[in-house]
C-alpha atoms as a PDB file:
ATOM      1  CA  MET A   1     -13.912  25.878  21.160  1.00  0.00           C
ATOM      2  CA  LYS A   2     -12.428  22.408  21.484  1.00  0.00           C
ATOM      3  CA  LEU A   3     -13.883  19.622  23.346  1.00  0.00           C
ATOM      4  CA  PRO A   4     -12.664  17.260  26.068  1.00  0.00           C
ATOM      5  CA  ARG A   5     -11.016  14.246  24.947  1.00  0.00           C
ATOM      6  CA  ILE A   6     -13.775  12.036  26.548  1.00  0.00           C
ATOM      7  CA  VAL A   7     -16.389  13.515  24.780  1.00  0.00           C
ATOM      8  CA  ARG A   8     -14.549  13.284  21.332  1.00  0.00           C
ATOM      9  CA  VAL A   9     -14.384   9.695  21.698  1.00  0.00           C
ATOM     10  CA  LEU A  10     -17.936   9.373  22.772  1.00  0.00           C
ATOM     11  CA  LEU A  11     -19.568  11.150  19.872  1.00  0.00           C
ATOM     12  CA  ALA A  12     -16.827   9.082  17.747  1.00  0.00           C
ATOM     13  CA  MET A  13     -18.480   5.899  19.230  1.00  0.00           C
ATOM     14  CA  LEU A  14     -21.897   7.090  18.358  1.00  0.00           C
ATOM     15  CA  CYS A  15     -21.722   8.328  14.802  1.00  0.00           C
ATOM     16  CA  LEU A  16     -19.571   4.411  14.062  1.00  0.00           C
ATOM     17  CA  SER A  17     -22.486   2.878  16.389  1.00  0.00           C
ATOM     18  CA  ALA A  18     -25.775   4.943  14.450  1.00  0.00           C
ATOM     19  CA  CYS A  19     -23.558   3.276  11.027  1.00  0.00           C
ATOM     20  CA  LEU A  20     -23.811   0.551  12.389  1.00  0.00           C
ATOM     21  CA  LEU A  21     -27.040   0.038  13.166  1.00  0.00           C
ATOM     22  CA  GLY A  22     -27.966   1.160  10.040  1.00  0.00           C
ATOM     23  CA  GLY A  23     -27.850   5.362  10.252  1.00  0.00           C
ATOM     24  CA  CYS A  24     -25.784   5.615   7.739  1.00  0.00           C
ATOM     25  CA  ALA A  25     -26.478   2.712   4.768  1.00  0.00           C
ATOM     26  CA  ASN A  26     -23.748   2.197   1.932  1.00  0.00           C
ATOM     27  CA  SER A  27     -20.928   4.978   3.049  1.00  0.00           C
ATOM     28  CA  VAL A  28     -18.039   4.526   5.183  1.00  0.00           C
ATOM     29  CA  PRO A  29     -17.785   5.815   8.701  1.00  0.00           C
ATOM     30  CA  ALA A  30     -15.671   8.949   9.318  1.00  0.00           C
ATOM     31  CA  GLY A  31     -12.137   7.886   9.697  1.00  0.00           C
ATOM     32  CA  GLU A  32      -8.452   9.042   9.416  1.00  0.00           C
ATOM     33  CA  SER A  33      -7.220   8.946   6.004  1.00  0.00           C
ATOM     34  CA  GLY A  34      -4.134   7.976   4.167  1.00  0.00           C
ATOM     35  CA  ARG A  35      -1.978   6.377   1.513  1.00  0.00           C
ATOM     36  CA  VAL A  36      -1.060   2.500   1.949  1.00  0.00           C
ATOM     37  CA  VAL A  37       2.541   2.541   1.398  1.00  0.00           C
ATOM     38  CA  ASP A  38       3.283  -1.462   2.468  1.00  0.00           C
ATOM     39  CA  VAL A  39       1.453  -4.436   2.768  1.00  0.00           C
ATOM     40  CA  VAL A  40       2.654  -6.289   5.280  1.00  0.00           C
ATOM     41  CA  ASP A  41       0.667  -9.608   5.333  1.00  0.00           C
ATOM     42  CA  GLY A  42      -2.481 -10.694   4.889  1.00  0.00           C
ATOM     43  CA  ASP A  43      -3.715  -8.237   7.992  1.00  0.00           C
ATOM     44  CA  THR A  44      -1.126  -5.907   8.180  1.00  0.00           C
ATOM     45  CA  ILE A  45      -0.294  -2.911   6.424  1.00  0.00           C
ATOM     46  CA  TRP A  46       1.582   0.295   7.126  1.00  0.00           C
ATOM     47  CA  VAL A  47       0.003   3.320   6.095  1.00  0.00           C
ATOM     48  CA  ASN A  48       1.454   7.253   5.263  1.00  0.00           C
ATOM     49  CA  MET A  49      -0.768  10.030   7.005  1.00  0.00           C
ATOM     50  CA  SER A  50       0.546  13.540   6.674  1.00  0.00           C
ATOM     51  CA  GLY A  51       4.234  12.348   6.533  1.00  0.00           C
ATOM     52  CA  GLU A  52       3.933  10.248   9.419  1.00  0.00           C
ATOM     53  CA  GLU A  53       3.672   6.120   9.115  1.00  0.00           C
ATOM     54  CA  PHE A  54       2.010   3.821  10.794  1.00  0.00           C
ATOM     55  CA  LYS A  55       1.544  -0.048  11.606  1.00  0.00           C
ATOM     56  CA  VAL A  56      -2.047  -0.812  11.089  1.00  0.00           C
ATOM     57  CA  ARG A  57      -3.530  -4.070  11.848  1.00  0.00           C
ATOM     58  CA  TYR A  58      -6.734  -5.085  10.417  1.00  0.00           C
ATOM     59  CA  ILE A  59      -9.672  -5.660  13.273  1.00  0.00           C
ATOM     60  CA  GLY A  60     -11.684  -8.589  13.332  1.00  0.00           C
ATOM     61  CA  ILE A  61      -9.644 -10.891  10.873  1.00  0.00           C
ATOM     62  CA  ASN A  62      -6.875 -13.163  10.955  1.00  0.00           C
ATOM     63  CA  ALA A  63      -4.965 -14.283   7.948  1.00  0.00           C
ATOM     64  CA  PRO A  64      -2.808 -17.024   7.563  1.00  0.00           C
ATOM     65  CA  GLU A  65       0.860 -16.111   8.720  1.00  0.00           C
ATOM     66  CA  LEU A  66       4.209 -15.737   6.782  1.00  0.00           C
ATOM     67  CA  ALA A  67       7.236 -17.299   7.991  1.00  0.00           C
ATOM     68  CA  HIS A  68       8.681 -15.396  10.844  1.00  0.00           C
ATOM     69  CA  ASP A  69      10.796 -15.765  14.230  1.00  0.00           C
ATOM     70  CA  GLU A  70      10.122 -19.389  14.980  1.00  0.00           C
ATOM     71  CA  VAL A  71       7.112 -19.775  12.678  1.00  0.00           C
ATOM     72  CA  GLU A  72       6.458 -21.694   9.996  1.00  0.00           C
ATOM     73  CA  GLU A  73       4.566 -20.498   7.212  1.00  0.00           C
ATOM     74  CA  GLN A  74       0.692 -21.941   6.940  1.00  0.00           C
ATOM     75  CA  PRO A  75      -1.136 -22.721   3.605  1.00  0.00           C
ATOM     76  CA  TYR A  76      -2.453 -19.396   2.089  1.00  0.00           C
ATOM     77  CA  ALA A  77      -0.458 -17.049   3.634  1.00  0.00           C
ATOM     78  CA  ARG A  78       1.498 -15.929   0.197  1.00  0.00           C
ATOM     79  CA  ALA A  79      -1.882 -15.632  -1.422  1.00  0.00           C
ATOM     80  CA  ALA A  80      -3.825 -13.402   1.875  1.00  0.00           C
ATOM     81  CA  GLU A  81      -0.912 -11.187   1.289  1.00  0.00           C
ATOM     82  CA  GLU A  82      -1.360 -11.150  -2.430  1.00  0.00           C
ATOM     83  CA  ALA A  83      -4.935 -10.314  -2.124  1.00  0.00           C
ATOM     84  CA  ASN A  84      -4.818  -7.775   0.461  1.00  0.00           C
ATOM     85  CA  ARG A  85      -1.710  -5.711  -2.001  1.00  0.00           C
ATOM     86  CA  ARG A  86      -4.057  -6.159  -4.857  1.00  0.00           C
ATOM     87  CA  LEU A  87      -6.398  -4.523  -2.730  1.00  0.00           C
ATOM     88  CA  VAL A  88      -5.019  -1.339  -0.827  1.00  0.00           C
ATOM     89  CA  GLU A  89      -1.196  -1.092  -2.760  1.00  0.00           C
ATOM     90  CA  GLY A  90      -1.053   2.543  -2.852  1.00  0.00           C
ATOM     91  CA  GLN A  91      -4.648   3.521  -2.568  1.00  0.00           C
ATOM     92  CA  ILE A  92      -5.654   5.935  -0.546  1.00  0.00           C
ATOM     93  CA  VAL A  93      -7.752   4.360   2.952  1.00  0.00           C
ATOM     94  CA  THR A  94     -10.271   5.401   5.597  1.00  0.00           C
ATOM     95  CA  LEU A  95      -8.979   4.096   8.665  1.00  0.00           C
ATOM     96  CA  VAL A  96     -12.147   3.594  11.226  1.00  0.00           C
ATOM     97  CA  LYS A  97     -10.985   2.815  14.791  1.00  0.00           C
ATOM     98  CA  ASP A  98     -13.612   0.735  17.162  1.00  0.00           C
ATOM     99  CA  VAL A  99     -12.364   0.634  20.480  1.00  0.00           C
ATOM    100  CA  SER A 100      -9.181   0.251  21.169  1.00  0.00           C
ATOM    101  CA  GLU A 101      -6.623   2.625  19.971  1.00  0.00           C
ATOM    102  CA  THR A 102      -3.417   0.024  19.502  1.00  0.00           C
ATOM    103  CA  ASP A 103      -2.778  -4.073  20.342  1.00  0.00           C
ATOM    104  CA  ARG A 104       0.004  -5.344  22.497  1.00  0.00           C
ATOM    105  CA  TYR A 105       2.461  -4.713  19.542  1.00  0.00           C
ATOM    106  CA  GLY A 106       1.787  -0.788  18.967  1.00  0.00           C
ATOM    107  CA  ARG A 107      -0.082  -1.299  15.769  1.00  0.00           C
ATOM    108  CA  LEU A 108      -3.244   0.815  14.964  1.00  0.00           C
ATOM    109  CA  LEU A 109      -6.149  -1.419  15.256  1.00  0.00           C
ATOM    110  CA  ARG A 110      -8.345  -0.117  12.106  1.00  0.00           C
ATOM    111  CA  TYR A 111     -11.758  -0.572   9.826  1.00  0.00           C
ATOM    112  CA  VAL A 112     -10.011  -0.231   6.785  1.00  0.00           C
ATOM    113  CA  TYR A 113     -11.673   1.009   3.806  1.00  0.00           C
ATOM    114  CA  VAL A 114     -10.996   1.656   0.237  1.00  0.00           C
ATOM    115  CA  GLY A 115     -13.748   3.776  -1.287  1.00  0.00           C
ATOM    116  CA  ASP A 116     -17.012   2.163   0.147  1.00  0.00           C
ATOM    117  CA  THR A 117     -15.584  -1.697   0.272  1.00  0.00           C
ATOM    118  CA  LEU A 118     -14.503  -2.477   3.954  1.00  0.00           C
ATOM    119  CA  ILE A 119     -11.217  -4.359   2.771  1.00  0.00           C
ATOM    120  CA  ASN A 120     -11.447  -6.644   6.336  1.00  0.00           C
ATOM    121  CA  ALA A 121     -14.208  -7.960   5.017  1.00  0.00           C
ATOM    122  CA  GLU A 122     -13.667  -8.477   1.795  1.00  0.00           C
ATOM    123  CA  LEU A 123     -10.213 -10.306   2.602  1.00  0.00           C
ATOM    124  CA  VAL A 124     -12.280 -12.463   4.564  1.00  0.00           C
ATOM    125  CA  ARG A 125     -15.200 -13.141   1.320  1.00  0.00           C
ATOM    126  CA  GLN A 126     -12.374 -14.308  -0.679  1.00  0.00           C
ATOM    127  CA  GLY A 127     -11.090 -16.961   1.982  1.00  0.00           C
ATOM    128  CA  MET A 128      -8.366 -14.582   2.694  1.00  0.00           C
ATOM    129  CA  ALA A 129      -8.639 -14.541   6.427  1.00  0.00           C
ATOM    130  CA  HIS A 130     -10.551 -16.356   9.563  1.00  0.00           C
ATOM    131  CA  ALA A 131     -13.299 -13.573  11.033  1.00  0.00           C
ATOM    132  CA  LYS A 132     -12.029 -13.534  14.646  1.00  0.00           C
ATOM    133  CA  ALA A 133     -13.591 -11.368  17.533  1.00  0.00           C
ATOM    134  CA  TYR A 134     -10.689 -10.124  19.329  1.00  0.00           C
ATOM    135  CA  PRO A 135     -13.258  -7.708  22.258  1.00  0.00           C
ATOM    136  CA  PRO A 136     -13.872  -5.280  23.074  1.00  0.00           C
ATOM    137  CA  ASP A 137     -13.312  -4.083  19.165  1.00  0.00           C
ATOM    138  CA  THR A 138     -16.400  -6.291  17.794  1.00  0.00           C
ATOM    139  CA  GLY A 139     -18.478  -2.998  16.354  1.00  0.00           C
ATOM    140  CA  LEU A 140     -18.557  -4.690  12.895  1.00  0.00           C
ATOM    141  CA  GLN A 141     -18.000  -8.698  13.847  1.00  0.00           C
ATOM    142  CA  GLU A 142     -21.443  -9.321  12.319  1.00  0.00           C
ATOM    143  CA  GLU A 143     -20.875  -8.728   8.856  1.00  0.00           C
ATOM    144  CA  LEU A 144     -17.199  -9.846   9.170  1.00  0.00           C
ATOM    145  CA  ASP A 145     -18.942 -13.631  10.272  1.00  0.00           C
ATOM    146  CA  ALA A 146     -21.419 -12.917   7.432  1.00  0.00           C
ATOM    147  CA  ALA A 147     -18.748 -12.725   5.394  1.00  0.00           C
ATOM    148  CA  GLN A 148     -17.039 -15.566   6.310  1.00  0.00           C
ATOM    149  CA  ASP A 149     -20.476 -17.848   6.309  1.00  0.00           C
ATOM    150  CA  GLU A 150     -20.196 -16.814   2.357  1.00  0.00           C
ATOM    151  CA  ALA A 151     -16.426 -17.773   1.711  1.00  0.00           C
ATOM    152  CA  ARG A 152     -16.987 -20.996   3.280  1.00  0.00           C
ATOM    153  CA  ALA A 153     -19.917 -22.047   1.597  1.00  0.00           C
ATOM    154  CA  ALA A 154     -18.378 -20.927  -1.591  1.00  0.00           C
ATOM    155  CA  ARG A 155     -15.259 -22.989  -0.269  1.00  0.00           C
ATOM    156  CA  ARG A 156     -13.163 -20.167  -1.362  1.00  0.00           C
ATOM    157  CA  GLY A 157      -9.134 -19.967  -0.341  1.00  0.00           C
ATOM    158  CA  ILE A 158      -8.678 -21.172   3.205  1.00  0.00           C
ATOM    159  CA  TRP A 159     -12.329 -23.098   2.955  1.00  0.00           C
ATOM    160  CA  ALA A 160     -11.611 -24.828  -0.100  1.00  0.00           C
ATOM    161  CA  THR A 161     -10.421 -27.968   1.717  1.00  0.00           C
ATOM    162  CA  ASP A 162     -11.442 -28.928   5.218  1.00  0.00           C
END
């Protein structure tokens, strides 16, 4: 018997909430798996899932922008892109949804894991991105904020100078 979509969504949210509250310490919440086929910048990747490619934007972080359209390249943009590339390029990732499916640009919004490593937090911890809440997708914001506090205290990356 297939459960109605709303029931499946509520069950997924319940599982994520249980993990966030410590119910599954040191394990990755259930999500979709795929292989990273391209790194766009410090907070966006392309992932192949079952033969289809999806653009994925990391939830809860904002990396410096590469030059595009009428936007000038921001400091640390290339470093953030390279850090992201080192962490995920060619890797099998687990994509975990919070509340929203996509952003206004049609990108999937996800927490991205390689093994047990939350890449969103790792980029912030390395000083390659800011922790930034984008409600309603804030389920792991405390972890991201803590990673930013650590990077700031250690003066890593974007926190090297004030």
